[in-house]
């Protein structure tokens, strides 16, 4: 049930919703907020609003009781409005810059993913050229991170709904480097890590799609699937100068900390460190982006699943560090804000993981112009993480039309 109240009865502490007025047509940062000053009420009057919707549950004060008409007083709202409009213009410019930044990351991700596709495709026929391109690609990624004070993790909205091996290789490389940076790896080892992550699944080129996509494989199919590790080593054997650390990341990314993995059932510290990192990144991306997207887990669910149900599979220190690296609210999480809004986390900063950049759902605004709220600046916070399966379809399609979780990272100096 909606509650409305005359604007003249408002006071600080009342939580209001500005309906019927576009975000660009009023000077406030958000459409829903708790009043904090009488100047805000004067601005509402200057917008021509007579009544406004309010939320008793989110209010810390009740509307004023009805009063007899008071004598008119001098109106200072114009100056207040001018100041708020100036502030809003600055915020609008920041939103525009943030949106352009996300679009730039999407273009860069797509360019790199297309390049990785060509590298994986041509490695057998043009090994020297492909390996050179791979080193250049990884070098750009590592170069962005080395010496950076913090890392921005961007959610990428891919144009294709069902990307292939290249996108998985990109995601695993990005996540592996994120973890490698948090671990404090030296630049050379970071480059090895990026290459190992890029090539970790190259042996799947030899495995039929029907086997890869089958979640209930027969014993023979499972053996065929597991053989992709050996096929991967065979593929990279054409690069004699490939560092041992890269080869081990390919050979051991399915080994498990408790010794239950394959192909050699290595245990704990016997598993090479780079392979342990790639194993975590690989599993996380497979949980978020399975072949059947109806079984996909949200980033938060994927982390919880790995930590609570599969913790024995991974180096415990690395797994804890990975959870800290992607954050409490990883990009791709659906969240409820304390003003009642629903949004999607689209960017986090490693220096402040509790206050990400959130895209808000607003059916009155085209998705291409959706409001981006930096929670470091807004007087609003995340109340809870939401399961998209329990949200209306139109909300999910507005916020995450592709249903995938793809990441691009860059260092901030």
Protein backbone atom coordinates (compact mmCIF):
# COMPACT_ATOMS: atom_id res chain seq x y z
CA UNK A 1 0.00 0.00 0.00
CA UNK A 2 1.37 3.39 -1.00
CA UNK A 3 1.31 6.26 1.48
CA UNK A 4 1.21 9.86 0.31
CA UNK A 5 1.54 13.07 2.28
CA UNK A 6 1.28 16.76 1.36
CA UNK A 7 4.69 18.32 0.87
CA UNK A 8 3.84 20.95 3.49
CA UNK A 9 3.68 18.20 6.13
CA UNK A 10 7.13 16.83 5.44
CA UNK A 11 10.01 17.12 7.87
CA UNK A 12 13.57 15.72 8.10
CA UNK A 13 13.54 11.99 8.79
CA UNK A 14 10.65 11.19 6.42
CA UNK A 15 11.67 8.73 3.66
CA UNK A 16 10.20 9.83 0.32
CA UNK A 17 9.94 8.58 -3.26
CA UNK A 18 9.87 11.09 -6.10
CA UNK A 19 7.56 9.48 -8.65
CA UNK A 20 6.48 11.01 -11.91
CA UNK A 21 9.62 13.13 -12.14
CA UNK A 22 12.55 11.91 -14.20
CA UNK A 23 15.96 11.60 -12.55
CA UNK A 24 17.36 14.38 -14.72
CA UNK A 25 14.40 16.64 -13.90
CA UNK A 26 15.12 17.00 -10.19
CA UNK A 27 18.35 17.93 -8.38
CA UNK A 28 18.50 15.00 -5.95
CA UNK A 29 21.02 12.19 -6.33
CA UNK A 30 18.43 9.42 -5.99
CA UNK A 31 14.69 9.11 -6.55
CA UNK A 32 14.20 7.62 -3.07
CA UNK A 33 15.86 8.96 0.05
CA UNK A 34 15.39 10.13 3.62
CA UNK A 35 14.97 13.89 4.03
CA UNK A 36 17.77 15.47 6.03
CA UNK A 37 16.99 19.20 5.87
CA UNK A 38 14.21 21.74 5.48
CA UNK A 39 16.00 23.09 2.40
CA UNK A 40 15.24 19.81 0.61
CA UNK A 41 11.56 20.29 1.39
CA UNK A 42 11.67 23.80 -0.09
CA UNK A 43 13.18 22.37 -3.25
CA UNK A 44 10.36 19.82 -3.48
CA UNK A 45 7.87 22.68 -3.31
CA UNK A 46 9.75 24.58 -6.01
CA UNK A 47 9.36 21.52 -8.28
CA UNK A 48 5.60 22.07 -8.09
CA UNK A 49 4.94 18.93 -6.07
CA UNK A 50 1.86 19.08 -3.83
CA UNK A 51 1.85 15.52 -2.52
CA UNK A 52 4.60 12.94 -2.37
CA UNK A 53 4.90 9.23 -1.64
CA UNK A 54 6.53 8.27 1.66
CA UNK A 55 7.59 5.03 3.34
CA UNK A 56 6.76 4.71 7.06
CA UNK A 57 9.03 1.68 7.49
CA UNK A 58 12.13 3.54 6.27
CA UNK A 59 11.32 6.83 7.98
CA UNK A 60 12.85 7.93 11.27
CA UNK A 61 10.19 10.63 11.73
CA UNK A 62 6.48 10.94 10.99
CA UNK A 63 4.96 13.66 8.78
CA UNK A 64 3.84 16.75 10.64
CA UNK A 65 0.20 16.89 11.76
CA UNK A 66 -2.21 18.93 9.70
CA UNK A 67 -1.95 22.61 10.52
CA UNK A 68 -3.85 25.74 9.72
CA UNK A 69 -2.43 27.78 6.91
CA UNK A 70 0.59 29.77 8.00
CA UNK A 71 1.39 33.28 6.78
CA UNK A 72 3.69 33.30 3.73
CA UNK A 73 7.41 33.61 4.31
CA UNK A 74 10.30 34.62 2.08
CA UNK A 75 11.28 31.80 -0.28
CA UNK A 76 15.00 31.02 -0.41
CA UNK A 77 14.59 27.76 -2.34
CA UNK A 78 15.95 29.20 -5.61
CA UNK A 79 19.46 29.51 -4.19
CA UNK A 80 19.26 26.05 -2.67
CA UNK A 81 17.99 24.65 -5.97
CA UNK A 82 20.85 26.27 -7.89
CA UNK A 83 23.41 24.74 -5.55
CA UNK A 84 21.83 21.28 -5.77
CA UNK A 85 21.56 21.48 -9.56
CA UNK A 86 25.28 22.33 -9.71
CA UNK A 87 26.11 19.32 -7.54
CA UNK A 88 23.85 17.11 -9.61
CA UNK A 89 25.49 18.23 -12.84
CA UNK A 90 28.84 17.21 -11.39
CA UNK A 91 27.41 13.83 -10.35
CA UNK A 92 25.81 13.41 -13.79
CA UNK A 93 29.18 14.07 -15.42
CA UNK A 94 30.78 11.46 -13.17
CA UNK A 95 28.05 8.96 -14.11
CA UNK A 96 28.69 9.70 -17.79
CA UNK A 97 32.42 9.14 -17.29
CA UNK A 98 31.75 5.90 -15.39
CA UNK A 99 29.45 4.66 -18.15
CA UNK A 100 32.07 5.50 -20.78
CA UNK A 101 34.66 3.71 -18.67
CA UNK A 102 32.56 0.56 -18.54
CA UNK A 103 31.96 0.74 -22.30
CA UNK A 104 35.71 1.13 -22.85
CA UNK A 105 36.39 -1.95 -20.72
CA UNK A 106 33.83 -3.92 -22.73
CA UNK A 107 35.58 -2.95 -25.97
CA UNK A 108 38.98 -3.85 -24.55
CA UNK A 109 37.71 -7.18 -23.22
CA UNK A 110 36.16 -8.02 -26.59
CA UNK A 111 39.38 -7.11 -28.43
CA UNK A 112 41.49 -9.22 -26.08
CA UNK A 113 39.04 -12.14 -26.22
CA UNK A 114 39.07 -12.07 -30.03
CA UNK A 115 42.85 -12.05 -29.91
CA UNK A 116 42.90 -15.01 -27.50
CA UNK A 117 40.54 -16.88 -29.83
CA UNK A 118 43.03 -16.46 -32.68
CA UNK A 119 45.96 -17.45 -30.43
CA UNK A 120 44.32 -20.70 -29.30
CA UNK A 121 43.15 -21.51 -32.83
CA UNK A 122 46.52 -20.92 -34.48
CA UNK A 123 48.89 -22.27 -31.83
CA UNK A 124 49.34 -25.61 -33.61
CA UNK A 125 49.87 -24.17 -37.09
CA UNK A 126 51.77 -20.98 -36.19
CA UNK A 127 53.27 -21.63 -32.76
CA UNK A 128 55.94 -18.92 -32.72
CA UNK A 129 53.57 -16.20 -33.90
CA UNK A 130 50.76 -17.29 -31.55
CA UNK A 131 53.06 -17.55 -28.55
CA UNK A 132 54.39 -14.08 -29.27
CA UNK A 133 50.85 -12.70 -29.35
CA UNK A 134 50.02 -14.53 -26.11
CA UNK A 135 53.03 -12.99 -24.35
CA UNK A 136 52.03 -9.54 -25.60
CA UNK A 137 48.44 -9.97 -24.38
CA UNK A 138 49.49 -11.19 -20.96
CA UNK A 139 52.17 -8.50 -20.81
CA UNK A 140 49.53 -5.77 -21.26
CA UNK A 141 47.40 -7.24 -18.50
CA UNK A 142 50.30 -7.70 -16.08
CA UNK A 143 51.77 -4.29 -16.92
CA UNK A 144 48.48 -2.66 -15.88
CA UNK A 145 48.63 -4.34 -12.48
CA UNK A 146 52.30 -4.10 -11.52
CA UNK A 147 52.88 -1.22 -9.14
CA UNK A 148 49.20 -0.26 -9.02
CA UNK A 149 47.80 0.98 -5.72
CA UNK A 150 44.47 -0.76 -6.23
CA UNK A 151 42.59 -2.78 -8.84
CA UNK A 152 39.24 -2.04 -10.45
CA UNK A 153 37.21 -5.12 -11.37
CA UNK A 154 34.66 -4.35 -14.10
CA UNK A 155 31.66 -6.47 -15.06
CA UNK A 156 31.58 -6.85 -18.84
CA UNK A 157 28.32 -7.14 -20.80
CA UNK A 158 29.28 -9.49 -23.61
CA UNK A 159 27.43 -9.10 -26.91
CA UNK A 160 27.39 -12.86 -27.58
CA UNK A 161 25.26 -15.01 -25.29
CA UNK A 162 27.32 -18.18 -25.53
CA UNK A 163 31.01 -17.34 -25.79
CA UNK A 164 33.53 -20.11 -26.29
CA UNK A 165 36.90 -21.17 -24.95
CA UNK A 166 38.50 -17.76 -25.51
CA UNK A 167 36.17 -15.98 -23.11
CA UNK A 168 36.70 -18.68 -20.48
CA UNK A 169 40.46 -18.36 -20.98
CA UNK A 170 40.19 -14.57 -20.58
CA UNK A 171 38.13 -14.83 -17.40
CA UNK A 172 40.45 -17.39 -15.84
CA UNK A 173 43.47 -15.27 -16.76
CA UNK A 174 41.88 -12.13 -15.27
CA UNK A 175 40.86 -13.88 -12.04
CA UNK A 176 44.20 -15.67 -11.74
CA UNK A 177 46.13 -12.41 -12.12
CA UNK A 178 43.85 -10.76 -9.57
CA UNK A 179 44.73 -13.49 -7.09
CA UNK A 180 48.40 -13.47 -8.11
CA UNK A 181 48.61 -9.74 -7.45
CA UNK A 182 46.99 -10.16 -4.03
CA UNK A 183 49.54 -12.89 -3.31
CA UNK A 184 52.38 -10.52 -4.19
CA UNK A 185 53.86 -12.49 -7.10
CA UNK A 186 56.81 -10.96 -8.92
CA UNK A 187 56.28 -9.68 -12.47
CA UNK A 188 57.89 -12.68 -14.19
CA UNK A 189 55.79 -15.16 -12.25
CA UNK A 190 52.68 -13.07 -12.97
CA UNK A 191 53.44 -13.41 -16.68
CA UNK A 192 53.81 -17.17 -16.31
CA UNK A 193 50.54 -17.26 -14.41
CA UNK A 194 48.72 -15.32 -17.12
CA UNK A 195 50.03 -17.63 -19.84
CA UNK A 196 49.19 -20.76 -17.85
CA UNK A 197 45.66 -19.49 -17.29
CA UNK A 198 45.26 -18.59 -20.96
CA UNK A 199 46.41 -22.04 -22.13
CA UNK A 200 45.00 -24.16 -19.27
CA UNK A 201 42.11 -25.63 -21.29
CA UNK A 202 43.63 -25.67 -24.76
CA UNK A 203 43.47 -29.48 -24.77
CA UNK A 204 39.68 -29.25 -24.90
CA UNK A 205 40.05 -28.49 -28.60
CA UNK A 206 40.50 -32.28 -28.95
CA UNK A 207 37.36 -33.17 -26.93
CA UNK A 208 33.95 -33.27 -28.68
CA UNK A 209 31.44 -30.64 -27.56
CA UNK A 210 28.91 -33.34 -26.61
CA UNK A 211 31.38 -34.63 -24.00
CA UNK A 212 32.29 -31.18 -22.71
CA UNK A 213 28.64 -30.15 -22.35
CA UNK A 214 27.47 -33.40 -20.75
CA UNK A 215 27.12 -32.96 -16.98
CA UNK A 216 26.42 -36.70 -16.51
CA UNK A 217 29.24 -38.36 -18.41
CA UNK A 218 29.71 -42.09 -18.66
CA UNK A 219 32.96 -43.54 -17.35
CA UNK A 220 34.40 -43.58 -20.88
CA UNK A 221 33.30 -40.00 -21.52
CA UNK A 222 34.81 -38.86 -18.21
CA UNK A 223 38.14 -40.45 -19.17
CA UNK A 224 37.94 -38.66 -22.53
CA UNK A 225 37.19 -35.39 -20.72
CA UNK A 226 40.09 -35.81 -18.29
CA UNK A 227 42.41 -36.47 -21.21
CA UNK A 228 42.14 -32.79 -22.14
CA UNK A 229 44.99 -32.15 -19.70
CA UNK A 230 47.33 -34.41 -21.65
CA UNK A 231 46.10 -33.01 -24.95
CA UNK A 232 46.91 -29.54 -23.58
CA UNK A 233 50.51 -30.47 -22.83
CA UNK A 234 50.75 -31.95 -26.33
CA UNK A 235 49.46 -28.70 -27.85
CA UNK A 236 52.04 -26.53 -26.10
CA UNK A 237 54.91 -28.96 -26.82
CA UNK A 238 55.42 -26.96 -30.03
CA UNK A 239 56.76 -24.13 -27.82
CA UNK A 240 60.05 -25.49 -26.44
CA UNK A 241 60.84 -22.25 -24.58
CA UNK A 242 57.55 -22.32 -22.62
CA UNK A 243 58.43 -21.93 -18.89
CA UNK A 244 57.92 -24.93 -16.63
CA UNK A 245 55.52 -22.91 -14.47
CA UNK A 246 53.22 -22.44 -17.48
CA UNK A 247 53.36 -26.13 -18.36
CA UNK A 248 52.56 -27.07 -14.77
CA UNK A 249 49.54 -24.74 -14.70
CA UNK A 250 48.18 -26.66 -17.71
CA UNK A 251 49.14 -30.09 -16.35
CA UNK A 252 47.90 -29.62 -12.77
CA UNK A 253 44.91 -27.24 -12.80
CA UNK A 254 42.58 -30.17 -11.98
CA UNK A 255 44.66 -31.49 -9.10
CA UNK A 256 43.03 -31.02 -5.69
CA UNK A 257 44.50 -30.06 -2.33
CA UNK A 258 43.11 -33.26 -0.75
CA UNK A 259 44.59 -35.50 -3.48
CA UNK A 260 41.27 -36.33 -5.17
CA UNK A 261 42.02 -34.57 -8.45
CA UNK A 262 43.50 -35.69 -11.75
CA UNK A 263 45.59 -36.72 -13.62
CA UNK A 264 48.23 -37.51 -10.97
CA UNK A 265 46.29 -37.17 -7.69
CA UNK A 266 48.87 -34.73 -6.37
CA UNK A 267 48.24 -33.45 -2.88
CA UNK A 268 48.71 -30.15 -1.01
CA UNK A 269 52.14 -28.57 -1.47
CA UNK A 270 53.13 -30.98 -4.25
CA UNK A 271 50.71 -29.13 -6.53
CA UNK A 272 52.62 -26.26 -8.21
CA UNK A 273 51.52 -22.88 -6.86
CA UNK A 274 50.48 -21.38 -10.21
CA UNK A 275 48.31 -24.44 -10.88
CA UNK A 276 46.64 -23.96 -7.47
CA UNK A 277 45.77 -20.39 -8.44
CA UNK A 278 44.42 -21.37 -11.87
CA UNK A 279 42.35 -24.16 -10.28
CA UNK A 280 40.46 -21.65 -8.13
CA UNK A 281 39.88 -19.17 -10.97
CA UNK A 282 38.84 -21.96 -13.34
CA UNK A 283 36.27 -23.41 -10.93
CA UNK A 284 34.82 -20.01 -10.09
CA UNK A 285 34.28 -19.13 -13.75
CA UNK A 286 32.79 -22.55 -14.53
CA UNK A 287 30.29 -22.12 -11.68
CA UNK A 288 29.29 -18.63 -12.83
CA UNK A 289 29.29 -19.42 -16.57
CA UNK A 290 28.38 -23.08 -17.17
CA UNK A 291 27.30 -24.33 -20.59
CA UNK A 292 23.73 -24.46 -19.27
CA UNK A 293 23.16 -20.94 -17.93
CA UNK A 294 20.03 -22.10 -16.10
CA UNK A 295 22.38 -23.81 -13.63
CA UNK A 296 24.65 -20.77 -13.24
CA UNK A 297 25.47 -19.59 -9.75
CA UNK A 298 25.76 -15.95 -8.84
CA UNK A 299 29.27 -14.76 -7.90
CA UNK A 300 28.35 -14.84 -4.24
CA UNK A 301 26.86 -18.31 -4.54
CA UNK A 302 29.93 -19.54 -6.43
CA UNK A 303 32.28 -18.29 -3.72
CA UNK A 304 30.10 -19.78 -0.96
CA UNK A 305 29.90 -23.13 -2.79
CA UNK A 306 33.67 -23.32 -3.21
CA UNK A 307 34.34 -22.28 0.37
CA UNK A 308 31.73 -24.38 2.16
CA UNK A 309 31.30 -27.46 -0.04
CA UNK A 310 34.58 -27.77 -1.92
CA UNK A 311 37.03 -26.20 0.50
CA UNK A 312 39.10 -29.38 0.71
CA UNK A 313 39.83 -29.12 -3.03
CA UNK A 314 41.84 -25.89 -2.85
CA UNK A 315 44.81 -24.41 -1.06
CA UNK A 316 42.97 -22.91 1.97
CA UNK A 317 45.14 -19.79 2.16
CA UNK A 318 44.71 -19.08 -1.56
CA UNK A 319 40.96 -19.65 -1.38
CA UNK A 320 40.59 -17.19 1.49
CA UNK A 321 42.70 -14.67 -0.39
CA UNK A 322 40.56 -15.16 -3.51
CA UNK A 323 37.37 -14.47 -1.53
CA UNK A 324 38.94 -11.26 -0.20
CA UNK A 325 40.12 -10.30 -3.70
CA UNK A 326 36.73 -10.56 -5.43
CA UNK A 327 35.05 -8.96 -2.42
CA UNK A 328 31.91 -9.34 -0.38
CA UNK A 329 29.89 -8.07 -3.35
CA UNK A 330 31.67 -9.30 -6.52
CA UNK A 331 30.69 -7.68 -9.82
CA UNK A 332 27.64 -9.54 -11.12
CA UNK A 333 25.88 -9.66 -7.74
CA UNK A 334 22.26 -8.55 -7.55
CA UNK A 335 21.76 -6.43 -4.45
CA UNK A 336 18.99 -4.75 -2.49
CA UNK A 337 19.80 -1.26 -1.24
CA UNK A 338 18.42 0.18 1.97
CA UNK A 339 16.29 2.65 0.01
CA UNK A 340 14.35 -0.23 -1.54
CA UNK A 341 16.16 -0.13 -4.90
CA UNK A 342 17.44 -3.24 -6.69
CA UNK A 343 20.73 -3.06 -8.49
CA UNK A 344 23.62 -4.95 -10.03
CA UNK A 345 27.21 -4.54 -8.89
CA UNK A 346 29.16 -3.56 -12.01
CA UNK A 347 32.51 -2.48 -10.57
CA UNK A 348 34.53 -2.87 -7.40
CA UNK A 349 37.74 -1.29 -6.21
CA UNK A 350 40.16 -3.43 -4.24
CA UNK A 351 40.77 -0.52 -1.85
CA UNK A 352 37.09 -0.34 -0.81
CA UNK A 353 35.24 -3.59 -1.53
CA UNK A 354 32.23 -2.71 0.65
CA UNK A 355 31.20 0.27 -1.50
CA UNK A 356 31.00 -0.86 -5.15
CA UNK A 357 29.54 0.86 -8.20
CA UNK A 358 25.93 -0.28 -8.65
CA UNK A 359 23.61 -0.06 -11.64
CA UNK A 360 20.04 0.61 -10.48
CA UNK A 361 16.91 -0.88 -11.98
CA UNK A 362 14.46 1.81 -13.09
CA UNK A 363 11.86 0.79 -15.72
CA UNK A 364 11.37 4.46 -16.60
CA UNK A 365 14.98 4.80 -17.75
CA UNK A 366 16.48 2.96 -20.78
CA UNK A 367 19.16 0.47 -19.76
CA UNK A 368 21.73 2.33 -21.83
CA UNK A 369 21.12 5.32 -19.54
CA UNK A 370 20.67 3.38 -16.30
CA UNK A 371 21.74 5.24 -13.19
CA UNK A 372 25.12 4.24 -11.78
CA UNK A 373 25.55 4.89 -8.06
CA UNK A 374 28.97 4.90 -6.44
CA UNK A 375 28.24 3.79 -2.89
CA UNK A 376 31.37 5.60 -1.70
CA UNK A 377 29.57 8.87 -2.44
CA UNK A 378 25.87 8.10 -1.90
CA UNK A 379 23.93 8.09 1.35
CA UNK A 380 22.72 4.57 0.66
CA UNK A 381 24.13 1.12 1.37
CA UNK A 382 23.63 -2.53 0.46
CA UNK A 383 21.09 -4.35 2.62
CA UNK A 384 21.43 -7.83 1.14
CA UNK A 385 22.49 -9.93 -1.84
CA UNK A 386 19.56 -11.16 -3.95
CA UNK A 387 19.01 -14.38 -5.86
CA UNK A 388 18.10 -13.42 -9.45
CA UNK A 389 15.88 -16.51 -9.71
CA UNK A 390 13.57 -14.86 -7.19
CA UNK A 391 13.46 -11.50 -8.96
CA UNK A 392 10.97 -10.53 -11.69
CA UNK A 393 12.24 -11.50 -15.13
CA UNK A 394 12.08 -7.90 -16.37
CA UNK A 395 14.40 -6.78 -13.57
CA UNK A 396 16.99 -9.46 -14.36
CA UNK A 397 16.83 -8.80 -18.10
CA UNK A 398 17.25 -5.06 -17.50
CA UNK A 399 20.28 -5.44 -15.26
CA UNK A 400 21.96 -8.53 -16.76
CA UNK A 401 20.58 -9.21 -20.25
CA UNK A 402 23.23 -11.83 -21.14
CA UNK A 403 23.19 -13.78 -17.91
CA UNK A 404 27.00 -14.12 -17.90
CA UNK A 405 29.70 -12.91 -15.54
CA UNK A 406 32.76 -11.74 -17.47
CA UNK A 407 35.45 -9.56 -15.93
CA UNK A 408 38.02 -7.02 -17.02
CA UNK A 409 40.57 -5.67 -14.53
CA UNK A 410 42.88 -2.69 -14.59
CA UNK A 411 45.34 -1.26 -12.12
CA UNK A 412 44.72 2.16 -10.60
CA UNK A 413 47.89 4.16 -9.94
